Amino acid sequence: MEKDKQIDFLAIGDIATEPFIRITDAEASCDLQGEHCKICFRFGDKIPYESAEVCNAVGNSPNVAVGVSKLGIKSSLISYVGDDLVGKQNLESLMKDGVNIDYMKIVPGMDSNYHYVLWYASERTILVKHTEFPYSFSSDVPEAKWVYLSSLAPNSADYHKEIVAYLKKYPDTKLAFQPGTFQIKLGMEVLKEMYEMTEILFCNIVEAKRILETEEDDKVKLMEMLHALGPKIVVMTDGLSGAYAFDGSDALFIPVYSDEAFESTGAGDAFASAMVSALILEKDLKEAFSWGPVNSMSVVAQVGAQKGLLSREKLEEYLANASEGYKVSKIN
């Protein structure tokens, strides 16, 4: 695939292979509000599992790159793999899904990321180990219309500075930012410029509180606080309770398209890929917001983060057949 003079959509973030291990012999321990849940096994025991399925080329940014590609937009990914079988399979998987791999980096002598997903009921707990690749943003990456940034390893602090420099070089590039665990740990001050350059910020409510270092529960206040960091649009998901958006003037809410979930991995990535795709296609905020839950609904009906990702035709078909209650509403 030839390099384009301008990239339509460029995702940046770590890629991994994840075997999904379906566990039946466990317990979920939660508080009275159904929060702060823990998955529990008998210590020192042999824990039986029902099945295992390997998913290649996953991770926040690869999932979104694939999701955008499936919705008909030219998509590229910048990520790192080792020179091993896992890395080769990841590259093959991306190409199969129409993602441009011209800017992928293969690092000799290093292991590709390999995580383990413990799947119990409809939720998952992921055991992660990020290989600390030698991150460096290449000077030959052309201008992108949109950049999507998410999870990177703990040694990527300087890499973020290089990404900021790239965004300053191309001020017309729009940034969609979904902070991963390490990016949240870096803190608001370290990533101050990144937040200020963000067109649309994606997170869930738990992540919002961690980003802001607050115990605030009010959804609108949380979005106002996130908006004050610089993003033009804030999107905050709340699982089966729906999702919220704020553009500096209007606070919006949309319910889930369906409350049935087989396995929840990738719901947020599916939401982000659909909403950003709609914005790229010049849909207004309300219509773009309505695309997100449809893609999430399809993904959580399948194993893994990519199987259920929709084509534009199928997504629009679901929208046309949505229930009366599925609509965007303003909230105070």
C-alpha atoms as a PDB file:
ATOM      1  CA  MET A   1       0.000   0.000   0.000  1.00  0.00           C
ATOM      2  CA  GLU A   2       1.519   3.308  -1.062  1.00  0.00           C
ATOM      3  CA  LYS A   3       1.950   6.078   1.452  1.00  0.00           C
ATOM      4  CA  ASP A   4      -0.577   8.856   0.943  1.00  0.00           C
ATOM      5  CA  LYS A   5       0.400  12.526   0.862  1.00  0.00           C
ATOM      6  CA  GLN A   6      -2.198  13.072   3.559  1.00  0.00           C
ATOM      7  CA  ILE A   7      -3.535  10.466   5.961  1.00  0.00           C
ATOM      8  CA  ASP A   8      -7.281  10.451   6.567  1.00  0.00           C
ATOM      9  CA  PHE A   9      -7.112   8.769   9.975  1.00  0.00           C
ATOM     10  CA  LEU A  10      -4.003   7.882  11.983  1.00  0.00           C
ATOM     11  CA  ALA A  11      -4.233   5.844  15.180  1.00  0.00           C
ATOM     12  CA  ILE A  12      -1.269   5.801  17.591  1.00  0.00           C
ATOM     13  CA  GLY A  13      -0.951   3.334  20.460  1.00  0.00           C
ATOM     14  CA  ASP A  14       0.170  -0.106  21.576  1.00  0.00           C
ATOM     15  CA  ILE A  15      -0.916  -3.309  19.845  1.00  0.00           C
ATOM     16  CA  ALA A  16      -1.242  -6.733  21.465  1.00  0.00           C
ATOM     17  CA  THR A  17      -2.427 -10.293  21.064  1.00  0.00           C
ATOM     18  CA  GLU A  18      -4.991 -11.394  23.654  1.00  0.00           C
ATOM     19  CA  PRO A  19      -6.240 -14.911  24.372  1.00  0.00           C
ATOM     20  CA  PHE A  20      -9.742 -14.736  25.896  1.00  0.00           C
ATOM     21  CA  ILE A  21     -10.012 -17.328  28.652  1.00  0.00           C
ATOM     22  CA  ARG A  22     -13.634 -17.978  29.618  1.00  0.00           C
ATOM     23  CA  ILE A  23     -13.885 -18.810  33.316  1.00  0.00           C
ATOM     24  CA  THR A  24     -16.947 -20.304  35.000  1.00  0.00           C
ATOM     25  CA  ASP A  25     -15.602 -21.283  38.428  1.00  0.00           C
ATOM     26  CA  ALA A  26     -15.169 -17.876  40.108  1.00  0.00           C
ATOM     27  CA  GLU A  27     -17.053 -15.273  42.132  1.00  0.00           C
ATOM     28  CA  ALA A  28     -17.581 -11.536  41.681  1.00  0.00           C
ATOM     29  CA  SER A  29     -17.389  -9.659  44.980  1.00  0.00           C
ATOM     30  CA  CYS A  30     -18.948  -6.148  44.903  1.00  0.00           C
ATOM     31  CA  ASP A  31     -20.130  -3.558  47.404  1.00  0.00           C
ATOM     32  CA  LEU A  32     -23.793  -2.724  47.990  1.00  0.00           C
ATOM     33  CA  GLN A  33     -23.817  -0.246  45.108  1.00  0.00           C
ATOM     34  CA  GLY A  34     -22.521  -2.869  42.697  1.00  0.00           C
ATOM     35  CA  GLU A  35     -19.213  -1.056  42.424  1.00  0.00           C
ATOM     36  CA  HIS A  36     -15.591  -1.784  43.355  1.00  0.00           C
ATOM     37  CA  CYS A  37     -16.024  -5.348  42.092  1.00  0.00           C
ATOM     38  CA  LYS A  38     -13.312  -7.985  42.367  1.00  0.00           C
ATOM     39  CA  ILE A  39     -13.058 -11.354  40.671  1.00  0.00           C
ATOM     40  CA  CYS A  40     -12.179 -14.076  43.159  1.00  0.00           C
ATOM     41  CA  PHE A  41     -10.576 -17.504  42.789  1.00  0.00           C
ATOM     42  CA  ARG A  42      -9.599 -20.072  45.382  1.00  0.00           C
ATOM     43  CA  PHE A  43      -5.962 -19.395  46.235  1.00  0.00           C
ATOM     44  CA  GLY A  44      -3.589 -22.223  45.285  1.00  0.00           C
ATOM     45  CA  ASP A  45      -6.314 -24.158  43.441  1.00  0.00           C
ATOM     46  CA  LYS A  46      -6.569 -25.384  39.851  1.00  0.00           C
ATOM     47  CA  ILE A  47      -9.202 -23.219  38.176  1.00  0.00           C
ATOM     48  CA  PRO A  48     -11.080 -24.853  35.291  1.00  0.00           C
ATOM     49  CA  TYR A  49     -11.915 -22.763  32.223  1.00  0.00           C
ATOM     50  CA  GLU A  50     -14.526 -23.281  29.544  1.00  0.00           C
ATOM     51  CA  SER A  51     -12.736 -22.056  26.406  1.00  0.00           C
ATOM     52  CA  ALA A  52      -9.924 -19.899  25.064  1.00  0.00           C
ATOM     53  CA  GLU A  53      -9.906 -17.813  21.889  1.00  0.00           C
ATOM     54  CA  VAL A  54      -6.916 -15.833  20.622  1.00  0.00           C
ATOM     55  CA  CYS A  55      -7.572 -12.320  19.278  1.00  0.00           C
ATOM     56  CA  ASN A  56      -4.797 -10.685  17.238  1.00  0.00           C
ATOM     57  CA  ALA A  57      -3.987  -7.001  16.625  1.00  0.00           C
ATOM     58  CA  VAL A  58      -6.023  -5.625  19.516  1.00  0.00           C
ATOM     59  CA  GLY A  59      -5.586  -2.719  21.911  1.00  0.00           C
ATOM     60  CA  ASN A  60      -7.381   0.633  22.090  1.00  0.00           C
ATOM     61  CA  SER A  61      -5.737   2.190  19.044  1.00  0.00           C
ATOM     62  CA  PRO A  62      -5.701  -0.911  16.797  1.00  0.00           C
ATOM     63  CA  ASN A  63      -9.361  -1.541  17.668  1.00  0.00           C
ATOM     64  CA  VAL A  64     -10.289   1.997  16.651  1.00  0.00           C
ATOM     65  CA  ALA A  65      -8.153   1.810  13.490  1.00  0.00           C
ATOM     66  CA  VAL A  66     -10.002  -1.349  12.442  1.00  0.00           C
ATOM     67  CA  GLY A  67     -13.371   0.129  13.421  1.00  0.00           C
ATOM     68  CA  VAL A  68     -12.785   3.237  11.310  1.00  0.00           C
ATOM     69  CA  SER A  69     -11.621   1.102   8.375  1.00  0.00           C
ATOM     70  CA  LYS A  70     -14.759  -1.029   8.536  1.00  0.00           C
ATOM     71  CA  LEU A  71     -16.836   2.162   8.381  1.00  0.00           C
ATOM     72  CA  GLY A  72     -15.232   2.998   5.045  1.00  0.00           C
ATOM     73  CA  ILE A  73     -12.518   5.488   5.997  1.00  0.00           C
ATOM     74  CA  LYS A  74      -8.852   5.054   5.059  1.00  0.00           C
ATOM     75  CA  SER A  75      -7.106   4.161   8.296  1.00  0.00           C
ATOM     76  CA  SER A  76      -3.450   3.877   9.339  1.00  0.00           C
ATOM     77  CA  LEU A  77      -1.795   2.724  12.559  1.00  0.00           C
ATOM     78  CA  ILE A  78       1.492   3.625  14.215  1.00  0.00           C
ATOM     79  CA  SER A  79       2.501   0.948  16.689  1.00  0.00           C
ATOM     80  CA  TYR A  80       5.363  -1.383  17.572  1.00  0.00           C
ATOM     81  CA  VAL A  81       5.760  -5.147  17.311  1.00  0.00           C
ATOM     82  CA  GLY A  82       8.672  -7.497  17.841  1.00  0.00           C
ATOM     83  CA  ASP A  83      10.232  -9.584  15.083  1.00  0.00           C
ATOM     84  CA  ASP A  84       8.334 -12.664  16.262  1.00  0.00           C
ATOM     85  CA  LEU A  85       5.379 -14.766  15.144  1.00  0.00           C
ATOM     86  CA  VAL A  86       2.969 -12.731  17.296  1.00  0.00           C
ATOM     87  CA  GLY A  87       4.062  -9.510  15.603  1.00  0.00           C
ATOM     88  CA  LYS A  88       3.786 -11.047  12.134  1.00  0.00           C
ATOM     89  CA  GLN A  89       0.259 -12.281  12.872  1.00  0.00           C
ATOM     90  CA  ASN A  90      -0.737  -8.829  14.124  1.00  0.00           C
ATOM     91  CA  LEU A  91       0.466  -7.163  10.929  1.00  0.00           C
ATOM     92  CA  GLU A  92      -1.375  -9.736   8.817  1.00  0.00           C
ATOM     93  CA  SER A  93      -4.551  -9.160  10.814  1.00  0.00           C
ATOM     94  CA  LEU A  94      -4.358  -5.384  10.308  1.00  0.00           C
ATOM     95  CA  MET A  95      -3.868  -5.773   6.565  1.00  0.00           C
ATOM     96  CA  LYS A  96      -6.807  -8.175   6.369  1.00  0.00           C
ATOM     97  CA  ASP A  97      -8.979  -5.487   7.954  1.00  0.00           C
ATOM     98  CA  GLY A  98      -7.808  -2.784   5.563  1.00  0.00           C
ATOM     99  CA  VAL A  99      -5.537  -0.876   7.953  1.00  0.00           C
ATOM    100  CA  ASN A 100      -2.442   0.726   6.403  1.00  0.00           C
ATOM    101  CA  ILE A 101       0.704  -0.616   8.138  1.00  0.00           C
ATOM    102  CA  ASP A 102       3.284   1.584   6.360  1.00  0.00           C
ATOM    103  CA  TYR A 103       4.138   3.359   9.623  1.00  0.00           C
ATOM    104  CA  MET A 104       4.292   0.269  11.849  1.00  0.00           C
ATOM    105  CA  LYS A 105       7.656  -0.447  13.502  1.00  0.00           C
ATOM    106  CA  ILE A 106       9.205  -3.928  13.777  1.00  0.00           C
ATOM    107  CA  VAL A 107      11.867  -4.063  16.502  1.00  0.00           C
ATOM    108  CA  PRO A 108      14.405  -6.925  16.302  1.00  0.00           C
ATOM    109  CA  GLY A 109      15.077  -8.788  19.530  1.00  0.00           C
ATOM    110  CA  MET A 110      11.955  -7.585  21.352  1.00  0.00           C
ATOM    111  CA  ASP A 111       8.755  -9.463  22.174  1.00  0.00           C
ATOM    112  CA  SER A 112       5.397  -8.332  20.856  1.00  0.00           C
ATOM    113  CA  ASN A 113       2.803  -7.483  23.495  1.00  0.00           C
ATOM    114  CA  TYR A 114       0.854 -10.519  24.700  1.00  0.00           C
ATOM    115  CA  HIS A 115      -1.911 -10.018  27.269  1.00  0.00           C
ATOM    116  CA  TYR A 116      -4.345 -12.427  28.946  1.00  0.00           C
ATOM    117  CA  VAL A 117      -8.072 -11.762  29.243  1.00  0.00           C
ATOM    118  CA  LEU A 118      -9.957 -13.449  32.087  1.00  0.00           C
ATOM    119  CA  TRP A 119     -13.578 -13.492  30.933  1.00  0.00           C
ATOM    120  CA  TYR A 120     -16.200 -14.083  33.612  1.00  0.00           C
ATOM    121  CA  ALA A 121     -19.948 -13.516  32.999  1.00  0.00           C
ATOM    122  CA  SER A 122     -20.116 -10.473  30.655  1.00  0.00           C
ATOM    123  CA  GLU A 123     -17.068  -8.687  32.112  1.00  0.00           C
ATOM    124  CA  ARG A 124     -13.338  -9.144  31.643  1.00  0.00           C
ATOM    125  CA  THR A 125     -10.168  -8.572  33.613  1.00  0.00           C
ATOM    126  CA  ILE A 126      -7.016  -8.163  31.526  1.00  0.00           C
ATOM    127  CA  LEU A 127      -3.514  -9.125  32.627  1.00  0.00           C
ATOM    128  CA  VAL A 128      -1.242  -6.706  30.772  1.00  0.00           C
ATOM    129  CA  LYS A 129       2.492  -6.413  30.240  1.00  0.00           C
ATOM    130  CA  HIS A 130       3.617  -3.635  27.924  1.00  0.00           C
ATOM    131  CA  THR A 131       6.932  -4.224  26.183  1.00  0.00           C
ATOM    132  CA  GLU A 132       8.903  -0.989  26.485  1.00  0.00           C
ATOM    133  CA  PHE A 133       9.651  -0.378  22.825  1.00  0.00           C
ATOM    134  CA  PRO A 134      12.033   2.419  21.747  1.00  0.00           C
ATOM    135  CA  TYR A 135       9.281   4.897  20.895  1.00  0.00           C
ATOM    136  CA  SER A 136      10.218   7.565  18.362  1.00  0.00           C
ATOM    137  CA  PHE A 137       7.878   9.536  16.130  1.00  0.00           C
ATOM    138  CA  SER A 138       9.233   9.432  12.562  1.00  0.00           C
ATOM    139  CA  SER A 139       9.733  12.715  10.746  1.00  0.00           C
ATOM    140  CA  ASP A 140       8.405  11.173   7.509  1.00  0.00           C
ATOM    141  CA  VAL A 141       4.832  10.752   8.782  1.00  0.00           C
ATOM    142  CA  PRO A 142       2.717  13.057   6.588  1.00  0.00           C
ATOM    143  CA  GLU A 143      -0.110  15.276   7.772  1.00  0.00           C
ATOM    144  CA  ALA A 144      -3.183  13.454   9.056  1.00  0.00           C
ATOM    145  CA  LYS A 145      -6.702  14.854   8.989  1.00  0.00           C
ATOM    146  CA  TRP A 146      -7.417  13.060  12.274  1.00  0.00           C
ATOM    147  CA  VAL A 147      -5.146  11.475  14.892  1.00  0.00           C
ATOM    148  CA  TYR A 148      -6.428   9.075  17.518  1.00  0.00           C
ATOM    149  CA  LEU A 149      -4.154   8.540  20.534  1.00  0.00           C
ATOM    150  CA  SER A 150      -4.542   5.984  23.298  1.00  0.00           C
ATOM    151  CA  SER A 151      -2.644   3.447  25.444  1.00  0.00           C
ATOM    152  CA  LEU A 152       1.156   3.400  25.437  1.00  0.00           C
ATOM    153  CA  ALA A 153       3.759   1.832  27.753  1.00  0.00           C
ATOM    154  CA  PRO A 154       5.242   3.632  30.797  1.00  0.00           C
ATOM    155  CA  ASN A 155       8.454   4.598  28.927  1.00  0.00           C
ATOM    156  CA  SER A 156       6.534   6.772  26.445  1.00  0.00           C
ATOM    157  CA  ALA A 157       6.619  10.183  28.216  1.00  0.00           C
ATOM    158  CA  ASP A 158       9.039  11.688  25.667  1.00  0.00           C
ATOM    159  CA  TYR A 159       7.082  10.077  22.820  1.00  0.00           C
ATOM    160  CA  HIS A 160       4.070  12.137  23.858  1.00  0.00           C
ATOM    161  CA  LYS A 161       6.174  15.282  23.461  1.00  0.00           C
ATOM    162  CA  GLU A 162       7.061  14.199  19.927  1.00  0.00           C
ATOM    163  CA  ILE A 163       3.375  13.644  19.142  1.00  0.00           C
ATOM    164  CA  VAL A 164       2.603  17.138  20.458  1.00  0.00           C
ATOM    165  CA  ALA A 165       5.338  18.506  18.176  1.00  0.00           C
ATOM    166  CA  TYR A 166       3.752  16.685  15.225  1.00  0.00           C
ATOM    167  CA  LEU A 167       0.338  18.188  16.066  1.00  0.00           C
ATOM    168  CA  LYS A 168       1.884  21.669  16.269  1.00  0.00           C
ATOM    169  CA  LYS A 169       3.504  21.105  12.885  1.00  0.00           C
ATOM    170  CA  TYR A 170       0.082  20.350  11.396  1.00  0.00           C
ATOM    171  CA  PRO A 171      -2.369  22.617  13.269  1.00  0.00           C
ATOM    172  CA  ASP A 172      -5.320  21.577  11.077  1.00  0.00           C
ATOM    173  CA  THR A 173      -5.020  17.982  12.334  1.00  0.00           C
ATOM    174  CA  LYS A 174      -7.797  17.062  14.758  1.00  0.00           C
ATOM    175  CA  LEU A 175      -6.917  14.932  17.781  1.00  0.00           C
ATOM    176  CA  ALA A 176      -9.154  12.325  19.386  1.00  0.00           C
ATOM    177  CA  PHE A 177      -7.639  11.317  22.738  1.00  0.00           C
ATOM    178  CA  GLN A 178      -8.664   8.334  24.858  1.00  0.00           C
ATOM    179  CA  PRO A 179      -6.163   8.269  27.743  1.00  0.00           C
ATOM    180  CA  GLY A 180      -4.901   4.838  28.720  1.00  0.00           C
ATOM    181  CA  THR A 181      -3.771   3.754  32.181  1.00  0.00           C
ATOM    182  CA  PHE A 182      -0.236   5.171  31.928  1.00  0.00           C
ATOM    183  CA  GLN A 183      -1.397   8.384  30.278  1.00  0.00           C
ATOM    184  CA  ILE A 184      -3.780   8.958  33.179  1.00  0.00           C
ATOM    185  CA  LYS A 185      -0.945   8.268  35.631  1.00  0.00           C
ATOM    186  CA  LEU A 186       1.260  10.826  33.859  1.00  0.00           C
ATOM    187  CA  GLY A 187      -1.176  13.444  35.092  1.00  0.00           C
ATOM    188  CA  MET A 188      -2.958  16.500  33.779  1.00  0.00           C
ATOM    189  CA  GLU A 189       0.050  18.781  34.054  1.00  0.00           C
ATOM    190  CA  VAL A 190       2.460  16.567  32.095  1.00  0.00           C
ATOM    191  CA  LEU A 191      -0.090  16.123  29.304  1.00  0.00           C
ATOM    192  CA  LYS A 192      -1.384  19.696  29.536  1.00  0.00           C
ATOM    193  CA  GLU A 193      -0.611  20.511  25.895  1.00  0.00           C
ATOM    194  CA  MET A 194      -2.133  17.234  24.711  1.00  0.00           C
ATOM    195  CA  TYR A 195      -5.434  17.985  26.435  1.00  0.00           C
ATOM    196  CA  GLU A 196      -5.375  21.554  25.114  1.00  0.00           C
ATOM    197  CA  MET A 197      -4.949  20.281  21.528  1.00  0.00           C
ATOM    198  CA  THR A 198      -7.696  17.667  21.807  1.00  0.00           C
ATOM    199  CA  GLU A 199     -10.747  17.972  19.578  1.00  0.00           C
ATOM    200  CA  ILE A 200     -12.636  15.151  21.294  1.00  0.00           C
ATOM    201  CA  LEU A 201     -11.804  13.362  24.552  1.00  0.00           C
ATOM    202  CA  PHE A 202     -13.140   9.867  25.282  1.00  0.00           C
ATOM    203  CA  CYS A 203     -13.221   8.219  28.710  1.00  0.00           C
ATOM    204  CA  ASN A 204     -15.563   6.409  31.069  1.00  0.00           C
ATOM    205  CA  ILE A 205     -16.727   7.833  34.380  1.00  0.00           C
ATOM    206  CA  VAL A 206     -14.111   5.982  36.457  1.00  0.00           C
ATOM    207  CA  GLU A 207     -11.355   7.236  34.150  1.00  0.00           C
ATOM    208  CA  ALA A 208     -12.752  10.782  34.296  1.00  0.00           C
ATOM    209  CA  LYS A 209     -12.394  10.788  38.075  1.00  0.00           C
ATOM    210  CA  ARG A 210      -8.847   9.439  37.824  1.00  0.00           C
ATOM    211  CA  ILE A 211      -7.849  12.033  35.220  1.00  0.00           C
ATOM    212  CA  LEU A 212      -9.251  14.851  37.370  1.00  0.00           C
ATOM    213  CA  GLU A 213      -8.173  13.331  40.701  1.00  0.00           C
ATOM    214  CA  THR A 214     -11.644  13.952  42.100  1.00  0.00           C
ATOM    215  CA  GLU A 215     -14.465  12.086  43.813  1.00  0.00           C
ATOM    216  CA  GLU A 216     -17.086  14.221  42.046  1.00  0.00           C
ATOM    217  CA  ASP A 217     -20.071  12.098  40.963  1.00  0.00           C
ATOM    218  CA  ASP A 218     -22.141  14.635  39.044  1.00  0.00           C
ATOM    219  CA  LYS A 219     -21.863  13.714  35.360  1.00  0.00           C
ATOM    220  CA  VAL A 220     -22.232  17.248  33.994  1.00  0.00           C
ATOM    221  CA  LYS A 221     -19.717  18.669  36.468  1.00  0.00           C
ATOM    222  CA  LEU A 222     -17.209  15.977  35.521  1.00  0.00           C
ATOM    223  CA  MET A 223     -17.577  16.858  31.849  1.00  0.00           C
ATOM    224  CA  GLU A 224     -17.250  20.573  32.584  1.00  0.00           C
ATOM    225  CA  MET A 225     -14.058  19.890  34.512  1.00  0.00           C
ATOM    226  CA  LEU A 226     -12.664  17.779  31.660  1.00  0.00           C
ATOM    227  CA  HIS A 227     -13.684  20.431  29.130  1.00  0.00           C
ATOM    228  CA  ALA A 228     -11.766  23.023  31.169  1.00  0.00           C
ATOM    229  CA  LEU A 229      -8.560  21.052  30.433  1.00  0.00           C
ATOM    230  CA  GLY A 230      -8.912  22.045  26.779  1.00  0.00           C
ATOM    231  CA  PRO A 231     -10.864  19.431  24.748  1.00  0.00           C
ATOM    232  CA  LYS A 232     -13.556  20.962  22.542  1.00  0.00           C
ATOM    233  CA  ILE A 233     -15.828  17.932  23.023  1.00  0.00           C
ATOM    234  CA  VAL A 234     -15.936  15.545  25.987  1.00  0.00           C
ATOM    235  CA  VAL A 235     -17.557  12.103  25.678  1.00  0.00           C
ATOM    236  CA  MET A 236     -17.993  10.078  28.852  1.00  0.00           C
ATOM    237  CA  THR A 237     -19.434   6.560  28.839  1.00  0.00           C
ATOM    238  CA  ASP A 238     -21.164   4.862  31.758  1.00  0.00           C
ATOM    239  CA  GLY A 239     -21.567   1.226  30.755  1.00  0.00           C
ATOM    240  CA  LEU A 240     -25.167   0.048  30.495  1.00  0.00           C
ATOM    241  CA  SER A 241     -26.333   3.384  31.947  1.00  0.00           C
ATOM    242  CA  GLY A 242     -25.594   5.175  28.663  1.00  0.00           C
ATOM    243  CA  ALA A 243     -23.194   7.918  27.622  1.00  0.00           C
ATOM    244  CA  TYR A 244     -22.763  11.681  27.986  1.00  0.00           C
ATOM    245  CA  ALA A 245     -21.269  14.401  25.800  1.00  0.00           C
ATOM    246  CA  PHE A 246     -20.449  18.068  26.331  1.00  0.00           C
ATOM    247  CA  ASP A 247     -19.300  20.666  23.794  1.00  0.00           C
ATOM    248  CA  GLY A 248     -18.914  23.643  26.118  1.00  0.00           C
ATOM    249  CA  SER A 249     -22.551  24.682  25.919  1.00  0.00           C
ATOM    250  CA  ASP A 250     -24.853  21.664  25.659  1.00  0.00           C
ATOM    251  CA  ALA A 251     -24.689  18.531  27.821  1.00  0.00           C
ATOM    252  CA  LEU A 252     -26.125  15.512  26.000  1.00  0.00           C
ATOM    253  CA  PHE A 253     -27.187  12.015  26.994  1.00  0.00           C
ATOM    254  CA  ILE A 254     -27.870   8.893  24.969  1.00  0.00           C
ATOM    255  CA  PRO A 255     -29.003   5.500  26.306  1.00  0.00           C
ATOM    256  CA  VAL A 256     -27.462   2.202  25.240  1.00  0.00           C
ATOM    257  CA  TYR A 257     -28.862   0.772  22.016  1.00  0.00           C
ATOM    258  CA  SER A 258     -29.361  -2.573  23.750  1.00  0.00           C
ATOM    259  CA  ASP A 259     -28.648  -3.696  27.318  1.00  0.00           C
ATOM    260  CA  GLU A 260     -27.655  -7.222  26.302  1.00  0.00           C
ATOM    261  CA  ALA A 261     -23.932  -7.942  26.573  1.00  0.00           C
ATOM    262  CA  PHE A 262     -22.171 -11.227  25.873  1.00  0.00           C
ATOM    263  CA  GLU A 263     -18.637  -9.931  26.545  1.00  0.00           C
ATOM    264  CA  SER A 264     -17.790  -6.272  27.167  1.00  0.00           C
ATOM    265  CA  THR A 265     -14.259  -5.905  25.750  1.00  0.00           C
ATOM    266  CA  GLY A 266     -13.872  -3.139  23.188  1.00  0.00           C
ATOM    267  CA  ALA A 267     -17.171  -1.363  23.854  1.00  0.00           C
ATOM    268  CA  GLY A 268     -15.464   2.002  24.413  1.00  0.00           C
ATOM    269  CA  ASP A 269     -13.205   1.588  21.378  1.00  0.00           C
ATOM    270  CA  ALA A 270     -16.186   0.701  19.186  1.00  0.00           C
ATOM    271  CA  PHE A 271     -18.011   3.793  20.468  1.00  0.00           C
ATOM    272  CA  ALA A 272     -15.006   6.026  19.736  1.00  0.00           C
ATOM    273  CA  SER A 273     -14.386   4.613  16.247  1.00  0.00           C
ATOM    274  CA  ALA A 274     -18.016   5.116  15.221  1.00  0.00           C
ATOM    275  CA  MET A 275     -18.307   8.625  16.629  1.00  0.00           C
ATOM    276  CA  VAL A 276     -15.028   9.846  15.132  1.00  0.00           C
ATOM    277  CA  SER A 277     -15.958   8.274  11.790  1.00  0.00           C
ATOM    278  CA  ALA A 278     -19.255  10.154  11.821  1.00  0.00           C
ATOM    279  CA  LEU A 279     -17.431  13.423  12.537  1.00  0.00           C
ATOM    280  CA  ILE A 280     -14.985  12.707   9.705  1.00  0.00           C
ATOM    281  CA  LEU A 281     -18.024  12.195   7.471  1.00  0.00           C
ATOM    282  CA  GLU A 282     -19.173  15.668   8.597  1.00  0.00           C
ATOM    283  CA  LYS A 283     -22.118  14.529  10.707  1.00  0.00           C
ATOM    284  CA  ASP A 284     -23.143  16.976  13.439  1.00  0.00           C
ATOM    285  CA  LEU A 285     -22.404  16.210  17.093  1.00  0.00           C
ATOM    286  CA  LYS A 286     -25.828  14.750  17.906  1.00  0.00           C
ATOM    287  CA  GLU A 287     -25.829  12.372  14.950  1.00  0.00           C
ATOM    288  CA  ALA A 288     -22.210  11.370  15.545  1.00  0.00           C
ATOM    289  CA  PHE A 289     -23.043  10.719  19.211  1.00  0.00           C
ATOM    290  CA  SER A 290     -25.862   8.376  18.167  1.00  0.00           C
ATOM    291  CA  TRP A 291     -23.455   6.225  16.132  1.00  0.00           C
ATOM    292  CA  GLY A 292     -21.338   5.227  19.143  1.00  0.00           C
ATOM    293  CA  PRO A 293     -23.731   2.988  21.122  1.00  0.00           C
ATOM    294  CA  VAL A 294     -24.779   1.105  17.980  1.00  0.00           C
ATOM    295  CA  ASN A 295     -21.213  -0.022  17.284  1.00  0.00           C
ATOM    296  CA  SER A 296     -20.710  -0.843  20.974  1.00  0.00           C
ATOM    297  CA  MET A 297     -23.882  -2.937  21.027  1.00  0.00           C
ATOM    298  CA  SER A 298     -22.635  -5.035  18.120  1.00  0.00           C
ATOM    299  CA  VAL A 299     -19.143  -5.523  19.603  1.00  0.00           C
ATOM    300  CA  VAL A 300     -20.307  -6.696  23.038  1.00  0.00           C
ATOM    301  CA  ALA A 301     -22.421  -9.374  21.337  1.00  0.00           C
ATOM    302  CA  GLN A 302     -19.213 -11.089  20.155  1.00  0.00           C
ATOM    303  CA  VAL A 303     -15.974 -12.342  21.709  1.00  0.00           C
ATOM    304  CA  GLY A 304     -13.196  -9.754  21.589  1.00  0.00           C
ATOM    305  CA  ALA A 305     -13.003  -6.143  20.532  1.00  0.00           C
ATOM    306  CA  GLN A 306     -13.184  -6.417  16.737  1.00  0.00           C
ATOM    307  CA  LYS A 307     -15.499  -9.225  15.591  1.00  0.00           C
ATOM    308  CA  GLY A 308     -18.649  -7.155  15.976  1.00  0.00           C
ATOM    309  CA  LEU A 309     -17.385  -3.906  14.435  1.00  0.00           C
ATOM    310  CA  LEU A 310     -19.958  -2.710  11.912  1.00  0.00           C
ATOM    311  CA  SER A 311     -19.851  -1.518   8.327  1.00  0.00           C
ATOM    312  CA  ARG A 312     -21.417   1.866   7.656  1.00  0.00           C
ATOM    313  CA  GLU A 313     -24.331   0.205   5.832  1.00  0.00           C
ATOM    314  CA  LYS A 314     -25.100  -2.080   8.779  1.00  0.00           C
ATOM    315  CA  LEU A 315     -24.711   0.693  11.354  1.00  0.00           C
ATOM    316  CA  GLU A 316     -27.109   2.946   9.464  1.00  0.00           C
ATOM    317  CA  GLU A 317     -29.548   0.034   9.202  1.00  0.00           C
ATOM    318  CA  TYR A 318     -29.525  -0.344  12.995  1.00  0.00           C
ATOM    319  CA  LEU A 319     -30.080   3.408  13.369  1.00  0.00           C
ATOM    320  CA  ALA A 320     -33.045   3.281  10.994  1.00  0.00           C
ATOM    321  CA  ASN A 321     -34.595   0.483  13.079  1.00  0.00           C
ATOM    322  CA  ALA A 322     -33.856   1.976  16.523  1.00  0.00           C
ATOM    323  CA  SER A 323     -36.567   2.092  19.164  1.00  0.00           C
ATOM    324  CA  GLU A 324     -38.369   5.347  19.958  1.00  0.00           C
ATOM    325  CA  GLY A 325     -36.412   5.637  23.184  1.00  0.00           C
ATOM    326  CA  TYR A 326     -33.062   5.612  21.412  1.00  0.00           C
ATOM    327  CA  LYS A 327     -32.357   9.301  20.928  1.00  0.00           C
ATOM    328  CA  VAL A 328     -30.008  12.051  22.051  1.00  0.00           C
ATOM    329  CA  SER A 329     -31.432  14.358  24.701  1.00  0.00           C
ATOM    330  CA  LYS A 330     -30.175  17.513  26.414  1.00  0.00           C
ATOM    331  CA  ILE A 331     -29.596  17.386  30.157  1.00  0.00           C
ATOM    332  CA  ASN A 332     -29.110  20.109  32.767  1.00  0.00           C
END
